[in-house]
């Protein structure tokens, strides 16, 4: 009976030591977890700082390679003289091709266009001349607005087709020739007058026609009605 009673009794000193060891072990685990969590946040913070410094360095290096060049604000046609509103200075990155374009510090207003330049296109150095083109002539025409593509404007490059006028063409003419003919290829629109078309009249255009095609084109006025075609 005494043996059974002593086996069931708890030793207060043993229990107390066991609880203290458990508490110390748990405290150590908490400290280890806290240290690991703190170190991880520190690592992430340092990484972000380093990444931001690298990004700032890369951006500063790329910005230092930017140059200013001229770009067109509207379509420019060969033979057209550049006005101040036709161009603007643009900041771009052209590391290997900068020599092909005109520096924004160089004045180009008053220069003449040698080849078509589209709106927003950078102006190449070889596309301008200080002297006007002598082999192009300004030829005025008029036609209904429905025969002009909506995107046509000053500087646009167009083809001019002619449709034989039914009122002036005889039956033999219609039978012996195609009623539709391509009259001009790749000519530039120098100017447009939309005022008359707003009142129901025809739209006036001035085309830059090469010298060798001026006579034949003007001769077609009596026989053909014109239609403009623009390639995108």
Protein backbone atom coordinates (compact mmCIF):
# COMPACT_ATOMS: atom_id res chain seq x y z
CA UNK A 1 0.00 0.00 0.00
CA UNK A 2 2.81 2.41 0.84
CA UNK A 3 4.62 1.47 -2.35
CA UNK A 4 1.57 2.24 -4.45
CA UNK A 5 1.02 5.59 -2.77
CA UNK A 6 4.65 6.73 -3.25
CA UNK A 7 4.57 5.78 -6.95
CA UNK A 8 1.53 7.93 -7.59
CA UNK A 9 2.90 11.02 -5.83
CA UNK A 10 4.50 13.81 -7.94
CA UNK A 11 7.90 15.20 -7.12
CA UNK A 12 7.52 18.99 -6.96
CA UNK A 13 11.23 19.60 -7.61
CA UNK A 14 11.34 17.37 -10.67
CA UNK A 15 8.19 18.92 -12.15
CA UNK A 16 9.46 22.43 -11.61
CA UNK A 17 12.77 21.74 -13.35
CA UNK A 18 10.99 20.12 -16.31
CA UNK A 19 8.68 23.11 -16.76
CA UNK A 20 11.64 25.49 -16.63
CA UNK A 21 13.50 23.54 -19.32
CA UNK A 22 10.42 23.56 -21.55
CA UNK A 23 10.05 27.32 -21.08
CA UNK A 24 13.73 27.93 -21.91
CA UNK A 25 13.51 25.70 -25.00
CA UNK A 26 10.38 27.50 -26.22
CA UNK A 27 12.03 30.87 -25.62
CA UNK A 28 15.04 29.82 -27.69
CA UNK A 29 12.79 28.71 -30.53
CA UNK A 30 10.99 32.06 -30.47
CA UNK A 31 14.30 33.93 -30.52
CA UNK A 32 15.55 31.85 -33.44
CA UNK A 33 12.33 32.47 -35.36
CA UNK A 34 12.54 36.22 -34.61
CA UNK A 35 16.18 36.40 -35.68
CA UNK A 36 15.39 34.58 -38.95
CA UNK A 37 12.43 36.86 -39.67
CA UNK A 38 14.50 39.99 -38.99
CA UNK A 39 17.37 38.85 -41.20
CA UNK A 40 15.01 38.05 -44.10
CA UNK A 41 13.39 41.50 -44.00
CA UNK A 42 16.81 43.09 -43.87
CA UNK A 43 17.92 41.09 -46.90
CA UNK A 44 14.84 42.13 -48.87
CA UNK A 45 15.34 45.77 -47.95
CA UNK A 46 18.99 45.78 -49.01
CA UNK A 47 18.07 44.04 -52.26
CA UNK A 48 15.47 46.67 -53.09
CA UNK A 49 17.92 49.48 -52.38
CA UNK A 50 20.57 47.93 -54.60
CA UNK A 51 18.03 47.33 -57.38
CA UNK A 52 16.87 50.95 -57.26
CA UNK A 53 20.46 52.20 -57.44
CA UNK A 54 21.16 49.99 -60.46
CA UNK A 55 17.97 51.17 -62.17
CA UNK A 56 18.87 54.80 -61.56
CA UNK A 57 22.32 54.21 -63.01
CA UNK A 58 20.94 52.50 -66.12
CA UNK A 59 18.40 55.27 -66.68
CA UNK A 60 21.04 57.97 -66.28
CA UNK A 61 23.32 56.21 -68.77
CA UNK A 62 20.53 55.81 -71.34
CA UNK A 63 19.45 59.44 -70.88
CA UNK A 64 22.99 60.62 -71.51
CA UNK A 65 22.83 58.92 -74.95
CA UNK A 66 19.70 60.82 -75.99
CA UNK A 67 20.07 63.42 -78.74
CA UNK A 68 17.80 66.09 -80.22
CA UNK A 69 16.81 65.82 -83.87
CA UNK A 70 14.14 67.29 -86.15
CA UNK A 71 10.89 65.46 -86.86
CA UNK A 72 8.01 66.37 -89.16
CA UNK A 73 4.68 67.46 -87.69
CA UNK A 74 2.88 66.93 -91.01
CA UNK A 75 3.47 65.18 -94.33
CA UNK A 76 6.10 66.99 -96.39
CA UNK A 77 6.27 66.70 -100.16
CA UNK A 78 9.29 66.99 -102.48
CA UNK A 79 9.83 70.59 -103.54
CA UNK A 80 8.03 71.97 -100.49
CA UNK A 81 9.78 74.64 -98.45
CA UNK A 82 9.86 73.86 -94.74
CA UNK A 83 8.04 76.30 -92.49
CA UNK A 84 8.34 76.60 -88.74
CA UNK A 85 5.06 74.76 -88.13
CA UNK A 86 6.14 71.80 -90.29
CA UNK A 87 8.83 70.50 -87.93
CA UNK A 88 9.58 70.15 -84.25
CA UNK A 89 12.58 69.13 -82.12
CA UNK A 90 12.38 65.58 -80.75
CA UNK A 91 14.59 63.91 -78.15
CA UNK A 92 15.45 60.33 -79.14
CA UNK A 93 18.09 57.66 -78.56
CA UNK A 94 20.13 57.14 -81.73
CA UNK A 95 23.45 55.67 -80.70
CA UNK A 96 24.56 54.26 -84.06
CA UNK A 97 22.55 56.31 -86.58
CA UNK A 98 22.85 59.87 -85.29
CA UNK A 99 24.92 60.98 -88.28
CA UNK A 100 22.02 60.25 -90.65
CA UNK A 101 19.75 62.87 -89.04
CA UNK A 102 19.90 66.62 -88.58
CA UNK A 103 20.79 67.92 -85.15
CA UNK A 104 18.04 69.89 -83.44
CA UNK A 105 20.47 72.79 -83.02
CA UNK A 106 20.85 73.16 -86.81
CA UNK A 107 18.23 75.45 -88.40
CA UNK A 108 16.26 73.82 -91.22
CA UNK A 109 13.35 76.24 -91.67
CA UNK A 110 13.53 77.54 -95.25
CA UNK A 111 15.10 74.33 -96.60
CA UNK A 112 13.51 72.39 -99.45
CA UNK A 113 12.30 68.80 -99.25
CA UNK A 114 13.94 66.34 -101.66
CA UNK A 115 11.88 63.26 -100.86
CA UNK A 116 8.55 62.55 -99.13
CA UNK A 117 8.64 62.83 -95.33
CA UNK A 118 5.66 61.56 -93.38
CA UNK A 119 4.25 63.10 -90.22
CA UNK A 120 6.16 62.10 -87.03
CA UNK A 121 9.08 60.83 -89.13
CA UNK A 122 12.58 61.95 -88.19
CA UNK A 123 14.01 64.26 -90.86
CA UNK A 124 17.03 62.62 -92.57
CA UNK A 125 19.93 64.84 -93.53
CA UNK A 126 19.77 63.66 -97.15
CA UNK A 127 16.08 64.60 -97.48
CA UNK A 128 16.67 68.38 -97.47
CA UNK A 129 18.38 70.88 -99.72
CA UNK A 130 19.11 74.59 -99.47
CA UNK A 131 18.14 75.01 -103.14
CA UNK A 132 14.63 74.46 -104.55
CA UNK A 133 13.89 71.55 -106.88
CA UNK A 134 13.76 72.87 -110.46
CA UNK A 135 12.19 69.89 -112.25
CA UNK A 136 8.82 70.04 -110.46
CA UNK A 137 5.94 72.31 -111.44
CA UNK A 138 2.85 73.25 -109.47
CA UNK A 139 -0.29 72.22 -111.37
CA UNK A 140 -3.73 73.10 -109.95
CA UNK A 141 -6.69 70.76 -110.31
CA UNK A 142 -10.16 70.53 -108.79
CA UNK A 143 -12.34 67.51 -108.14
CA UNK A 144 -15.24 66.45 -105.90
CA UNK A 145 -14.29 65.64 -102.32
CA UNK A 146 -15.68 62.10 -102.71
CA UNK A 147 -12.85 61.38 -105.15
CA UNK A 148 -10.17 62.33 -102.63
CA UNK A 149 -9.17 59.85 -99.88
CA UNK A 150 -9.91 61.18 -96.42
CA UNK A 151 -6.27 60.91 -95.33
CA UNK A 152 -4.92 63.09 -98.15
CA UNK A 153 -3.39 66.36 -96.95
CA UNK A 154 -0.48 68.68 -97.71
CA UNK A 155 2.59 66.59 -98.46
CA UNK A 156 0.70 63.39 -99.29
CA UNK A 157 1.98 61.20 -102.11
CA UNK A 158 -0.80 60.16 -104.50
CA UNK A 159 -1.48 58.54 -107.85
CA UNK A 160 -3.87 60.33 -110.22
CA UNK A 161 -6.29 58.24 -112.26
CA UNK A 162 -8.54 59.51 -115.02
CA UNK A 163 -11.99 58.22 -115.88
CA UNK A 164 -13.08 59.06 -119.43
CA UNK A 165 -15.86 61.63 -119.47
CA UNK A 166 -19.01 60.05 -120.94
CA UNK A 167 -20.28 63.41 -122.19
CA UNK A 168 -17.24 64.07 -124.36
CA UNK A 169 -16.23 60.54 -125.35
CA UNK A 170 -17.68 59.03 -128.50
CA UNK A 171 -18.76 55.40 -128.69
CA UNK A 172 -15.71 54.53 -130.79
CA UNK A 173 -13.39 56.06 -128.20
CA UNK A 174 -14.95 54.03 -125.41
CA UNK A 175 -14.66 50.83 -127.45
CA UNK A 176 -11.05 51.42 -128.57
CA UNK A 177 -9.51 52.48 -125.27
CA UNK A 178 -9.75 51.72 -121.60
CA UNK A 179 -12.08 54.28 -120.00
CA UNK A 180 -9.77 54.39 -116.95
CA UNK A 181 -6.15 55.52 -117.19
CA UNK A 182 -3.34 56.15 -114.75
CA UNK A 183 -2.20 59.70 -115.47
CA UNK A 184 0.37 60.40 -112.75
CA UNK A 185 2.32 58.16 -110.38
CA UNK A 186 3.71 59.16 -106.99
CA UNK A 187 3.18 62.90 -107.18
CA UNK A 188 3.03 65.13 -104.12
CA UNK A 189 0.17 67.31 -102.94
CA UNK A 190 1.64 70.76 -102.40
CA UNK A 191 -1.52 72.45 -101.13
CA UNK A 192 -5.25 71.87 -100.64
CA UNK A 193 -8.13 74.36 -100.60
CA UNK A 194 -11.14 72.97 -98.75
CA UNK A 195 -13.14 76.21 -98.56
CA UNK A 196 -15.15 75.62 -101.74
CA UNK A 197 -15.96 72.02 -100.81
CA UNK A 198 -17.60 73.20 -97.57
CA UNK A 199 -20.13 75.08 -99.71
CA UNK A 200 -20.80 72.08 -101.94
CA UNK A 201 -18.16 72.89 -104.53
CA UNK A 202 -15.09 71.00 -105.60
CA UNK A 203 -11.84 70.74 -103.66
CA UNK A 204 -8.84 72.53 -105.10
CA UNK A 205 -5.43 70.89 -105.03
CA UNK A 206 -1.97 71.85 -106.24
CA UNK A 207 0.15 68.93 -107.41
CA UNK A 208 3.92 68.89 -107.89
CA UNK A 209 4.27 67.39 -111.37
CA UNK A 210 7.62 66.50 -113.03
CA UNK A 211 8.51 68.65 -116.03
CA UNK A 212 8.23 65.82 -118.54
CA UNK A 213 4.65 64.98 -117.52
CA UNK A 214 3.15 68.46 -117.24
CA UNK A 215 2.00 68.76 -120.88
CA UNK A 216 0.37 65.33 -121.15
CA UNK A 217 -1.35 65.76 -117.80
CA UNK A 218 -2.81 69.16 -118.65
CA UNK A 219 -3.93 67.79 -122.04
CA UNK A 220 -6.02 65.18 -120.22
CA UNK A 221 -8.15 67.77 -118.43
CA UNK A 222 -10.76 67.90 -121.22
CA UNK A 223 -11.21 64.13 -121.55
CA UNK A 224 -10.87 62.75 -118.02
CA UNK A 225 -12.34 63.18 -114.58
CA UNK A 226 -9.74 62.73 -111.88
CA UNK A 227 -9.60 60.35 -108.92
CA UNK A 228 -6.80 60.38 -106.33
CA UNK A 229 -5.43 57.14 -104.91
CA UNK A 230 -3.20 57.13 -101.82
CA UNK A 231 -1.11 54.19 -100.65
CA UNK A 232 -0.83 53.66 -96.88
